[in-house]
Structures are given as structure tokens and as C-alpha cells.
Protein backbone atom coordinates (compact mmCIF):
# COMPACT_ATOMS: atom_id res chain seq x y z
CA MET A 1 -15.37 17.19 15.31
CA SER A 2 -16.26 14.15 13.20
CA ILE A 3 -13.15 11.98 12.78
CA LYS A 4 -13.83 8.74 11.01
CA PHE A 5 -10.97 5.91 10.02
CA GLY A 6 -11.05 4.41 7.20
CA THR A 7 -9.17 0.76 5.68
CA ASP A 8 -5.82 2.08 6.96
CA GLY A 9 -6.57 4.91 9.33
CA TRP A 10 -7.81 8.28 9.55
CA ARG A 11 -7.04 11.03 6.65
CA ALA A 12 -7.54 14.12 6.43
CA VAL A 13 -6.38 17.65 4.66
CA ILE A 14 -4.14 19.75 6.19
CA SER A 15 -4.78 22.42 8.38
CA ASP A 16 -8.64 21.80 8.11
CA THR A 17 -9.07 18.65 9.48
CA PHE A 18 -6.13 17.33 10.20
CA THR A 19 -4.48 19.68 13.05
CA PHE A 20 -2.70 19.21 16.12
CA ALA A 21 -5.81 19.60 17.94
CA ASN A 22 -7.37 16.77 16.38
CA LEU A 23 -4.37 14.67 16.28
CA ARG A 24 -3.59 14.87 20.14
CA GLN A 25 -7.11 13.34 20.94
CA VAL A 26 -6.91 11.05 18.23
CA ALA A 27 -3.37 10.24 19.85
CA GLN A 28 -4.93 10.01 23.60
CA ALA A 29 -7.50 7.57 21.85
CA ILE A 30 -4.93 5.76 20.70
CA ALA A 31 -3.02 5.65 23.98
CA ASP A 32 -6.18 4.91 26.05
CA PHE A 33 -6.41 1.79 23.44
CA ILE A 34 -2.38 0.72 23.96
CA HIS A 35 -3.24 0.47 27.81
CA GLU A 36 -6.96 -1.54 27.40
CA GLN A 37 -4.28 -4.45 26.22
CA GLY A 38 -3.23 -4.90 28.94
CA ASN A 39 0.44 -4.91 28.77
CA ALA A 40 2.40 -4.12 32.03
CA GLU A 41 4.85 -2.55 29.92
CA PRO A 42 3.28 -0.33 27.14
CA SER A 43 5.21 0.83 24.15
CA ALA A 44 4.49 1.98 20.97
CA VAL A 45 6.79 3.04 17.94
CA VAL A 46 5.94 6.59 16.01
CA GLY A 47 7.22 6.96 12.10
CA TYR A 48 6.78 9.82 9.75
CA ASP A 49 6.76 10.48 6.18
CA THR A 50 8.28 13.77 4.18
CA ARG A 51 4.68 15.00 4.14
CA PHE A 52 4.67 19.19 5.50
CA LEU A 53 4.70 18.99 9.62
CA SER A 54 5.05 15.09 9.59
CA ASP A 55 7.43 14.87 11.45
CA ARG A 56 5.89 17.42 13.86
CA TYR A 57 3.06 15.63 13.93
CA ALA A 58 4.85 12.74 14.83
CA TYR A 59 6.58 14.45 17.95
CA GLU A 60 3.24 15.01 19.01
CA VAL A 61 1.87 11.63 19.18
CA ALA A 62 5.32 10.46 20.83
CA CYS A 63 4.78 13.08 23.68
CA VAL A 64 0.42 11.99 24.21
CA MET A 65 2.05 8.76 23.86
CA ALA A 66 4.89 9.45 26.92
CA GLY A 67 2.31 11.55 28.48
CA ASN A 68 -0.17 8.43 29.16
CA GLY A 69 2.81 6.09 30.82
CA ILE A 70 3.76 4.60 27.30
CA SER A 71 7.70 4.18 26.56
CA THR A 72 7.97 5.05 22.67
CA TRP A 73 10.23 4.82 19.67
CA LEU A 74 10.40 8.00 17.60
CA ALA A 75 12.19 7.42 14.12
CA ARG A 76 14.67 10.13 13.92
CA ALA A 77 14.11 10.72 10.07
CA ASP A 78 10.90 9.96 7.28
CA THR A 79 11.07 6.12 7.22
CA PRO A 80 9.04 3.71 4.79
CA THR A 81 6.10 2.29 6.42
CA PRO A 82 6.75 -0.90 6.16
CA ALA A 83 10.17 -0.27 8.21
CA VAL A 84 8.25 1.37 11.01
CA SER A 85 5.83 -1.62 11.16
CA TYR A 86 8.74 -4.42 11.03
CA ALA A 87 10.11 -1.85 13.99
CA ILE A 88 7.16 -2.64 15.77
CA VAL A 89 7.63 -6.27 15.35
CA HIS A 90 11.39 -5.97 16.02
CA LYS A 91 10.66 -3.57 19.44
CA LYS A 92 7.78 -5.98 20.42
CA ALA A 93 6.13 -2.86 20.98
CA THR A 94 2.18 -2.96 21.87
CA ALA A 95 1.03 -0.48 18.91
CA GLY A 96 2.75 1.79 16.08
CA VAL A 97 1.74 5.39 14.69
CA MET A 98 2.65 5.99 10.86
CA ILE A 99 2.22 9.74 9.95
CA THR A 100 1.53 9.59 6.51
CA ALA A 101 -1.02 10.25 3.77
CA SER A 102 0.23 7.26 1.50
CA HIS A 103 -0.57 7.86 -2.30
CA ASN A 104 -3.04 11.11 -1.02
CA PRO A 105 -2.65 14.26 -2.39
CA PRO A 106 -0.03 16.60 -0.55
CA ARG A 107 -2.62 18.69 1.25
CA TYR A 108 -4.14 15.64 2.85
CA ASN A 109 -1.98 13.97 5.52
CA GLY A 110 -3.13 11.12 7.82
CA VAL A 111 -2.37 8.56 10.95
CA LYS A 112 -1.77 4.48 9.96
CA LEU A 113 -2.69 2.62 13.47
CA LYS A 114 -0.41 -0.38 13.33
CA ALA A 115 -1.20 -3.44 15.53
CA SER A 116 1.45 -5.59 17.57
CA PHE A 117 1.65 -8.18 14.79
CA GLY A 118 3.55 -5.02 12.24
CA GLY A 119 0.24 -5.07 10.36
CA SER A 120 -3.06 -2.18 9.55
CA ALA A 121 -5.30 -2.76 13.18
CA THR A 122 -8.16 -4.64 12.45
CA PRO A 123 -11.53 -2.87 11.72
CA GLU A 124 -12.41 -4.16 15.24
CA GLN A 125 -9.24 -1.94 16.44
CA HIS A 126 -10.14 1.11 14.01
CA LYS A 127 -13.99 1.15 15.91
CA ARG A 128 -12.47 0.77 19.27
CA VAL A 129 -10.58 3.37 18.84
CA GLU A 130 -13.20 6.00 17.03
CA ALA A 131 -15.52 5.14 20.04
CA ILE A 132 -12.70 6.07 22.55
CA LEU A 133 -12.09 8.81 20.63
CA ALA A 134 -16.07 10.06 20.26
CA ARG A 135 -16.00 9.47 24.60
CA ASN A 136 -13.47 11.44 24.98
CA LEU A 137 -14.73 14.20 23.77
CA MET A 138 -18.18 13.82 25.31
CA GLU A 139 -16.39 13.39 28.51
CA GLN A 140 -13.90 16.83 27.54
CA LYS A 141 -11.02 15.05 28.19
CA ASP A 142 -7.64 16.62 27.51
CA PRO A 143 -4.84 14.88 26.04
CA GLN A 144 -2.00 14.08 28.61
CA LEU A 145 1.05 15.29 26.77
CA MET A 146 4.63 15.23 28.37
CA GLU A 147 7.72 18.01 26.38
CA LEU A 148 9.56 16.57 24.32
CA GLU A 149 12.84 17.24 25.70
CA THR A 150 11.41 16.10 28.96
CA ALA A 151 10.36 13.08 27.73
CA LEU A 152 14.10 12.73 25.92
CA ALA A 153 15.91 13.04 28.90
CA GLN A 154 13.79 10.37 30.55
CA GLU A 155 13.94 7.89 28.07
CA LYS A 156 9.93 8.18 27.59
CA ILE A 157 10.88 8.79 23.98
CA ARG A 158 13.70 7.23 22.83
CA LYS A 159 14.82 7.97 18.76
CA PHE A 160 15.97 5.20 16.96
CA ASP A 161 17.19 4.47 13.04
CA PRO A 162 14.24 1.52 12.15
CA SER A 163 15.54 1.33 8.80
CA TRP A 164 18.86 -1.29 9.68
CA ALA A 165 16.82 -4.44 11.31
CA TYR A 166 14.47 -3.81 8.06
CA TYR A 167 17.18 -3.91 5.35
CA GLU A 168 18.57 -6.88 7.38
CA HIS A 169 15.35 -8.82 7.48
CA LEU A 170 14.95 -7.75 3.79
CA SER A 171 18.03 -9.68 2.58
CA THR A 172 16.54 -12.62 4.29
CA LEU A 173 13.52 -12.58 1.98
CA VAL A 174 15.98 -11.36 -1.53
CA ASP A 175 18.64 -12.52 -2.89
CA LEU A 176 21.24 -9.75 -2.75
CA ASP A 177 24.09 -12.08 -5.00
CA ILE A 178 21.23 -13.00 -7.48
CA ILE A 179 20.88 -9.13 -7.80
CA SER A 180 24.56 -8.22 -7.59
CA SER A 181 25.24 -10.73 -10.51
CA GLY A 182 23.00 -9.04 -12.87
CA GLU A 183 24.86 -5.63 -12.84
CA LEU A 184 21.62 -4.42 -13.21
CA LYS A 185 21.08 -0.16 -13.74
CA VAL A 186 18.28 1.22 -12.33
CA VAL A 187 16.68 3.71 -11.97
CA ALA A 188 14.65 4.76 -8.44
CA ASP A 189 12.07 6.83 -8.28
CA GLY A 190 11.24 7.80 -4.64
CA MET A 191 8.39 10.44 -5.46
CA PHE A 192 9.17 12.83 -2.76
CA GLY A 193 8.55 9.97 -0.60
CA SER A 194 9.96 7.96 2.72
CA GLY A 195 11.42 5.53 1.01
CA ARG A 196 13.79 7.84 -1.47
CA GLY A 197 16.95 6.27 -1.61
CA VAL A 198 16.42 2.88 0.17
CA ILE A 199 16.89 0.25 -2.88
CA GLY A 200 20.30 2.75 -3.30
CA GLU A 201 21.13 1.77 0.31
CA MET A 202 20.15 -2.34 0.12
CA LEU A 203 22.37 -2.41 -2.94
CA ALA A 204 25.28 -0.29 -1.96
CA ARG A 205 28.05 -3.39 -1.53
CA GLY A 206 26.63 -4.88 -4.73
CA ARG A 207 26.99 -4.61 -8.37
CA THR A 208 24.03 -2.94 -8.88
CA TYR A 209 23.99 0.61 -10.40
CA VAL A 210 21.24 2.68 -8.71
CA HIS A 211 20.87 6.08 -10.17
CA ASN A 212 18.12 8.13 -7.36
CA ILE A 213 15.12 10.68 -8.61
CA ARG A 214 13.00 12.18 -7.32
CA HIS A 215 14.75 11.70 -3.50
CA GLU A 216 14.87 15.33 -2.01
CA MET A 217 12.74 16.60 0.58
CA ASN A 218 9.81 18.19 -1.46
CA PRO A 219 7.14 18.36 0.79
CA GLY A 220 4.54 18.97 -1.80
CA PHE A 221 5.91 16.05 -4.04
CA GLY A 222 6.58 18.61 -6.84
CA GLY A 223 2.99 18.93 -7.75
CA ILE A 224 1.58 15.51 -7.99
CA HIS A 225 0.14 12.39 -6.16
CA PRO A 226 2.95 10.34 -4.86
CA GLU A 227 1.20 7.35 -6.31
CA PRO A 228 3.55 4.76 -8.96
CA ILE A 229 0.78 4.72 -11.41
CA ALA A 230 1.63 5.69 -15.19
CA ARG A 231 -0.28 9.53 -14.67
CA TYR A 232 2.65 10.38 -12.25
CA LEU A 233 5.62 8.70 -13.59
CA GLY A 234 6.56 10.90 -16.52
CA LEU A 235 10.01 11.61 -15.22
CA LEU A 236 10.97 8.42 -14.31
CA MET A 237 9.80 7.06 -18.21
CA SER A 238 11.75 9.52 -19.79
CA THR A 239 14.60 9.26 -18.05
CA ILE A 240 14.62 5.61 -18.83
CA GLN A 241 13.95 6.40 -22.60
CA GLY A 242 17.46 8.91 -22.20
CA GLY A 243 19.47 6.79 -21.16
CA HIS A 244 20.67 2.89 -20.72
CA TRP A 245 18.26 1.70 -17.75
CA HIS A 246 17.05 -1.45 -17.26
CA VAL A 247 14.31 -0.92 -15.20
CA GLY A 248 12.51 1.72 -13.18
CA LEU A 249 11.12 1.29 -9.70
CA ALA A 250 8.52 3.70 -8.22
CA THR A 251 7.49 4.14 -4.44
CA ASP A 252 4.56 5.80 -3.28
CA GLY A 253 4.67 8.37 -0.48
CA ASP A 254 5.05 6.12 2.26
CA ALA A 255 6.71 3.37 0.57
CA ASP A 256 4.24 0.51 0.99
CA ARG A 257 3.51 0.65 -2.99
CA ILE A 258 5.30 -0.17 -5.99
CA GLY A 259 5.37 0.41 -9.57
CA ALA A 260 7.31 -0.61 -12.74
CA VAL A 261 9.23 1.21 -15.73
CA ASP A 262 10.89 -1.47 -18.36
CA ALA A 263 13.81 -1.02 -20.50
CA ARG A 264 11.36 0.37 -23.50
CA GLY A 265 10.31 2.98 -21.01
CA GLU A 266 6.26 1.48 -20.61
CA PHE A 267 4.94 1.25 -17.49
CA VAL A 268 4.47 -1.87 -15.67
CA ASP A 269 1.31 -2.15 -13.23
CA PRO A 270 1.03 -3.89 -10.06
CA HIS A 271 -1.32 -6.86 -11.69
CA ARG A 272 2.05 -8.22 -13.45
CA ILE A 273 3.98 -7.30 -11.17
CA PHE A 274 2.29 -9.44 -8.61
CA ALA A 275 1.50 -12.16 -11.55
CA LEU A 276 5.26 -12.24 -11.83
CA VAL A 277 6.33 -12.57 -8.53
CA LEU A 278 3.96 -15.06 -7.76
CA ARG A 279 5.05 -17.44 -10.74
CA TYR A 280 8.97 -16.52 -9.60
CA LEU A 281 8.12 -17.68 -6.06
CA ILE A 282 6.40 -20.61 -6.92
CA GLU A 283 8.57 -22.07 -10.06
CA LYS A 284 11.94 -20.90 -9.19
CA ARG A 285 11.84 -21.10 -5.09
CA GLY A 286 9.25 -23.95 -5.22
CA TRP A 287 7.24 -21.99 -2.51
CA GLN A 288 3.77 -23.46 -1.81
CA GLY A 289 0.99 -21.77 0.25
CA GLN A 290 -2.74 -19.83 -0.18
CA VAL A 291 -3.03 -17.00 -2.52
CA ILE A 292 -4.91 -13.33 -1.71
CA ARG A 293 -5.89 -11.03 -4.06
CA THR A 294 -8.04 -7.77 -3.33
CA VAL A 295 -11.65 -7.93 -5.64
CA SER A 296 -9.81 -5.53 -8.01
CA THR A 297 -6.67 -6.99 -8.73
CA THR A 298 -5.94 -8.85 -11.93
CA ARG A 299 -7.72 -13.03 -12.48
CA MET A 300 -4.30 -14.39 -14.13
CA ILE A 301 -3.36 -14.61 -10.52
CA ASP A 302 -6.34 -16.61 -10.43
CA ARG A 303 -4.95 -18.48 -13.20
CA ILE A 304 -1.69 -19.36 -11.83
CA ALA A 305 -2.87 -20.28 -9.01
CA ALA A 306 -4.96 -23.24 -9.66
CA ALA A 307 -2.17 -24.21 -12.32
CA ASN A 308 -0.23 -24.97 -9.39
CA GLY A 309 -2.68 -26.34 -6.76
CA LEU A 310 -3.20 -23.09 -4.92
CA CYS A 311 -6.18 -22.07 -3.01
CA LEU A 312 -6.88 -18.45 -4.61
CA THR A 313 -9.00 -16.10 -1.64
CA GLU A 314 -10.49 -13.02 -3.26
CA THR A 315 -10.93 -10.19 -0.54
CA PRO A 316 -12.41 -6.82 -0.33
CA VAL A 317 -10.20 -3.74 -1.21
CA GLY A 318 -7.60 -2.63 1.18
CA PHE A 319 -4.73 -4.56 2.26
CA ASN A 320 -6.06 -4.95 6.19
CA HIS A 321 -8.28 -7.96 4.52
CA ILE A 322 -5.11 -9.83 3.27
CA ALA A 323 -3.55 -9.09 6.62
CA ASP A 324 -5.95 -10.41 8.17
CA LEU A 325 -5.21 -14.06 6.56
CA MET A 326 -2.05 -13.87 7.07
CA LEU A 327 -2.10 -13.68 10.47
CA GLN A 328 -4.18 -16.77 9.91
CA GLY A 329 -3.18 -19.01 7.52
CA ASP A 330 0.26 -20.39 5.29
CA VAL A 331 -0.31 -17.50 2.75
CA LEU A 332 2.43 -17.49 -0.04
CA MET A 333 1.39 -14.21 -1.19
CA GLY A 334 -1.13 -11.20 -0.78
CA GLY A 335 -1.54 -8.56 -2.96
CA GLU A 336 -4.10 -5.99 -4.28
CA GLU A 337 -4.56 -3.86 -7.46
CA SER A 338 -2.92 -0.65 -5.71
CA GLY A 339 0.75 -1.89 -5.82
CA GLY A 340 0.91 -2.95 -2.13
CA MET A 341 1.99 -6.68 -1.52
CA SER A 342 3.58 -8.90 0.79
CA ILE A 343 5.04 -12.58 0.63
CA LYS A 344 5.42 -15.72 3.10
CA GLY A 345 7.98 -14.67 5.81
CA HIS A 346 7.62 -10.76 6.05
CA ILE A 347 5.50 -9.11 7.97
CA PRO A 348 1.73 -8.57 6.98
CA GLU A 349 1.91 -5.50 5.48
CA GLY A 350 2.28 -3.63 2.16
CA ASP A 351 5.66 -3.47 1.06
CA GLY A 352 7.48 -1.29 -1.74
CA VAL A 353 10.69 -1.57 -1.45
CA LEU A 354 10.71 -5.99 -1.39
CA LEU A 355 8.60 -6.08 -4.31
CA GLY A 356 11.14 -3.79 -5.72
CA LEU A 357 13.99 -5.80 -5.34
CA LEU A 358 12.23 -9.26 -5.67
CA ILE A 359 12.09 -7.32 -9.32
CA LEU A 360 15.28 -6.47 -10.04
CA GLU A 361 15.94 -10.25 -8.65
CA ILE A 362 13.23 -12.29 -11.39
CA MET A 363 15.48 -10.20 -13.63
CA ALA A 364 18.82 -11.14 -12.67
CA TYR A 365 17.69 -14.60 -12.83
CA HIS A 366 16.17 -15.24 -15.95
CA ARG A 367 19.40 -12.75 -17.80
CA ALA A 368 16.28 -10.78 -19.79
CA PRO A 369 14.61 -7.95 -20.12
CA LEU A 370 11.61 -6.94 -18.05
CA HIS A 371 9.29 -7.01 -20.81
CA GLU A 372 10.64 -10.47 -22.60
CA ILE A 373 9.61 -12.23 -19.39
CA ILE A 374 6.34 -9.91 -19.28
CA ALA A 375 5.65 -11.14 -22.49
CA ASP A 376 6.69 -14.80 -21.73
CA LEU A 377 3.96 -14.70 -18.71
CA LEU A 378 1.28 -13.35 -20.46
CA ALA A 379 2.08 -15.99 -23.50
CA GLN A 380 1.48 -18.39 -20.15
CA TYR A 381 -0.85 -17.10 -18.38
CA GLY A 382 -3.12 -14.00 -20.20
CA PRO A 383 -3.77 -12.34 -21.90
CA ALA A 384 -5.00 -9.36 -19.84
CA GLU A 385 -5.37 -5.86 -20.28
CA TYR A 386 -6.11 -3.52 -17.55
CA LYS A 387 -7.26 0.08 -17.30
CA ARG A 388 -8.37 2.07 -14.20
CA THR A 389 -10.79 5.65 -14.02
CA ASP A 390 -11.47 7.53 -11.33
CA MET A 391 -14.92 9.40 -11.48
CA LYS A 392 -14.72 12.62 -9.07
CA LEU A 393 -16.91 13.71 -6.87
CA ARG A 394 -19.01 16.67 -5.58
CA GLN A 395 -19.58 14.05 -2.62
CA PRO A 396 -19.22 10.69 -1.19
CA VAL A 397 -21.63 8.34 -2.35
CA GLU A 398 -23.80 6.38 -0.41
CA LYS A 399 -22.10 3.52 -0.60
CA LYS A 400 -25.30 0.94 -0.11
CA ALA A 401 -27.15 2.49 -1.93
CA MET A 402 -24.75 2.74 -5.32
CA VAL A 403 -24.61 -1.08 -5.12
CA ASN A 404 -28.19 -1.71 -4.94
CA MET A 405 -28.81 0.26 -8.17
CA LEU A 406 -26.09 -1.63 -9.85
CA VAL A 407 -26.95 -4.79 -8.93
CA GLU A 408 -30.64 -4.05 -9.91
CA SER A 409 -29.71 -2.32 -13.08
CA ALA A 410 -27.47 -5.34 -13.95
CA PRO A 411 -28.05 -5.65 -18.09
CA PRO A 412 -27.55 -9.39 -19.39
CA HIS A 413 -24.42 -8.80 -21.27
CA ILE A 414 -21.72 -6.10 -21.39
CA ASP A 415 -21.51 -4.90 -25.43
CA GLY A 416 -22.18 -8.76 -26.45
CA VAL A 417 -20.66 -11.04 -23.63
CA ALA A 418 -22.85 -12.48 -21.41
CA ILE A 419 -22.77 -11.82 -17.28
CA GLU A 420 -21.52 -14.91 -15.55
CA GLN A 421 -21.86 -13.18 -12.41
CA VAL A 422 -22.42 -10.41 -10.22
CA SER A 423 -20.56 -9.99 -6.57
CA THR A 424 -21.52 -7.42 -3.95
CA LEU A 425 -18.28 -8.03 -1.95
CA ASP A 426 -17.02 -4.97 -2.56
CA GLY A 427 -19.14 -2.76 -5.34
CA VAL A 428 -20.19 -4.36 -7.83
CA LYS A 429 -18.11 -6.61 -9.80
CA TYR A 430 -19.78 -8.42 -13.30
CA TYR A 431 -17.77 -11.29 -14.28
CA LEU A 432 -18.53 -12.15 -18.03
CA ASP A 433 -17.87 -15.15 -19.95
CA ASP A 434 -14.86 -14.09 -22.08
CA GLY A 435 -12.68 -13.98 -19.00
CA SER A 436 -13.24 -9.98 -18.28
CA TRP A 437 -14.97 -8.47 -15.80
CA LEU A 438 -15.54 -4.60 -14.94
CA LEU A 439 -15.65 -3.18 -11.30
CA ILE A 440 -17.48 0.19 -9.48
CA ARG A 441 -16.88 0.90 -6.04
CA PRO A 442 -16.61 3.85 -4.74
CA SER A 443 -13.81 5.09 -3.01
CA GLY A 444 -12.78 4.67 0.55
CA THR A 445 -10.84 7.34 1.35
CA GLU A 446 -11.58 9.94 -1.19
CA PRO A 447 -14.52 11.38 -2.93
CA VAL A 448 -14.02 9.12 -5.57
CA LEU A 449 -15.73 6.70 -7.76
CA ARG A 450 -13.80 3.82 -9.17
CA VAL A 451 -14.14 1.99 -12.77
CA TYR A 452 -11.88 -0.55 -13.30
CA ALA A 453 -11.71 -3.45 -15.77
CA GLU A 454 -9.74 -6.46 -16.99
CA ALA A 455 -10.23 -7.52 -20.64
CA PRO A 456 -8.15 -9.78 -23.15
CA ASN A 457 -7.71 -6.72 -25.16
CA GLN A 458 -7.84 -3.07 -25.14
CA ASP A 459 -10.93 -2.60 -27.19
CA ARG A 460 -13.03 -4.55 -24.95
CA VAL A 461 -11.07 -2.71 -21.65
CA ARG A 462 -12.55 0.46 -23.49
CA ALA A 463 -16.39 -0.71 -23.92
CA LEU A 464 -16.01 -2.10 -20.08
CA LEU A 465 -15.37 1.06 -18.74
CA LYS A 466 -17.89 3.12 -20.42
CA PHE A 467 -20.36 0.59 -19.85
CA GLY A 468 -19.52 1.59 -16.62
CA GLU A 469 -18.79 5.25 -16.52
CA GLU A 470 -22.20 5.54 -18.01
CA VAL A 471 -23.90 3.22 -15.02
CA ALA A 472 -22.71 4.74 -12.64
CA GLN A 473 -23.48 8.47 -13.64
CA LYS A 474 -27.14 7.62 -13.81
CA GLY A 475 -26.45 6.55 -10.51
């Protein structure tokens, strides 16, 4: 058995590598890791999403924790990852486990390992769990389990609802009164994930009307990837276009990512959401602090930070890199292209629910449609057009070899525009002198090569993507 942890845990195909037997071994390694932390009374929080068998997998992890003398809080029902992560901090637990494959296809499931601070475990912690797992397998150590009913009776496992403490915390980060005053009509697309119905529950006492779609339990996610990007939000777009709705909000399979659709039924990507929220926090709330974005995220963030005298840091892809910096200093906001974002005062964890609520607050504050607010944003800090292409591979590429090839073959210009700089922070990124950029990088979780581009207009974006795809295919 070969189990490797990616940027946010372990993911694999259900009944192939992701089996109960393998999960028990991973859970045992996590339990041993928790004991290494040296807490006199170690504890863990375990949650899960809506995927096939996620609840049973979570029970199994909890039983391994209990069998190893670790007091365990087990979610009563499917719950957003950020709610489980916040519960770790609220319960002062040693660590946490979330059973989810996030936005991956329905055939996948996974384990997200969370640290005591409520964010993803560090790369070093993931490597330590991998090392313990390898040792246990070599020594043929059997996982220690306690029967669920016995553990519940002895209160080694306690079921709880993470939602209410999480909702109370979110109410300190968003102005629910401002949102209510907007009397907005919202379509909330849960994408059949564990964020289903959550935005409506948060706003139930106000004057916001929330219509839920794809909020039923459907472990197959209706045959789509539960990822809030335009390709999978056709139902949300058509719902908006077919009625008198102000905005549509979509969360991914475990609700740590956000996507939006404006009143015209047009997709609003996370780049613009990030820039919109950042500008609002600075200009309307008067917040200050460091701004962090991943290498694949819009440079509008750079321009907003520069205009307001704020430090901007670029990181590799993966929210764990943002979380590290949030733990180290005064960070105003951090975010990534995939829709994971967090703000000052919150846990270092991407949170689609929080960002959805902030979008509503911004709309209610400005008393304007989302597309008009975005037009004003682009007039101030744009233009910026963006697109990503995912090239499926028969097998994962060797990242170092791909990077070397792309650096060595870098041309002096692309589509007639000079390359100013080549970065190898994560994959290979070409910075061009008109402010555009092209990024080529292998995925850390799937056999996919991702090609990203941002430019002042769509023609330039298409030209950059074409170049990127052609170069990547040669590799």
C-alpha cells in the first residue's frame, strides 16, 4: 500500500485505494501522531461531508481514536470543513480529521488532517504521519479500535453539532444587520455538498430570502464535480436567469470554496470575489494587514495592496501556505484561485460560507447589483480577464522535469509581448510586460496539468493559453 498526502491530506478512489482497511491504518498513524504531541488528555474532532460512505468512514476514524485513548468529538451529520475546523479551536482539541475529497469527482474520498489551530496540518506534520504509517505497516501493527456503541456509552466518543458555535463565530465577522437591510433574493447552490442549506440557516432571522437548490443528499453529486466553477454551475445560472434573483452563491463539496453568479446569470470567478472583498475590507471597514495570494491568483490583488500601502506575498498553490503566514503575522486576507479564502479574525482555513456572506454584505452596503460593483472594481483596478485549462494526463508528470523543460525553453516573448520574469515558485510562471501572466503546473491531487492565464482582454488570454497548451504537450 502506498499512501501519500498532498497539499491538504490524502485523497483516493473509493474501493480502490480508499478502503476501510487502508483508512484504519491512516487513522492509526494520525492517532500515534496525536500522542506524539504530548498532551496529557489528547482529543480530536472528526467530521465528514456528503460523499458515499463518508459517515461510515468518519465513524471508523472516531473508533480508532477512541481505541487509542483519544477523546473524540464526532459530528452528528455532514458538516462544512470550516465548521469542523473551527470546532477544533472551540473545543481546544489536539487535532481534527475531516472525511472529504473536497471538489474532486464523486468516485473519490479523502482525509483532511487539521491541526490544533483549526487549519490544515503543515507539510511537516503530513510527512510525519506518512512516516508513522510506513513504520506501522513495516511492523505489521494492527489499528486499535473500540466499538462505536461502547465508545459512545463510555463517552470516549461524543456526538455533537459543530454548526452553532461556527454560526456564532461567523456573526462576528459579517454584519448580519447590513445583509438583512438589503432584502436580497439569493439562490444558494449547495452542489449536494456539506454546505447545503448553511447560508439560509445563517440568514434565517433576517429579511434575506434564500432559495436552496441542489441541497438534497446525493452522494453522486448529480454526476458532476462539486466544484463551484462555471462548467458545473449551469443549474444555478439558469435558475438566476429564470427568476428575479439578485445573486447566486455556490459552495463546493465541503464548503471551503466559493463561486458566484450575478443577477444576469453570469459567473463571477474567485479572483473577482477576492478583489471585491479585499477592497471592501480596506475601504469600508478600514482594515489593514498583510495580503496573501497564491501564484495562480489575479494580480488585481497586487494593485489593491500597492494602492493602499499593504505588503503582498505570493505563495505556491494550496491554502496551507496561506495558513502558515496567517499564523505568523497580521494578515488582512489570504486567498487562492480555486475559491478558498479567509480574513483577519477567522481561522486559517478557506471558507466558502464566510465569503458568500461577505458578498451579500457588500451588495447590501452598496445598494447595487453585483455586476455593477464588479464593473466599478475593474474600472479602478482592472482590466483583468482570466481562464484556466485542465489537460488530463494518462499518468502524473514528474514536476521537476516539467519545470526544467519549461524554463529552458522559455521564449523572449509570447504573442509579441516580452517576458519580464520567469518564476518557479510552483510550476512555471511567465510574467509579461503588459501585466499579463501564464502559469503551467501539474496538479498535486489529480493526473492533470493546469494552464492558467490572465491578461487585459480575452484575446490575449486565449493566445497565452494556446501557447501554454502547445508547450505543455511537447513536454
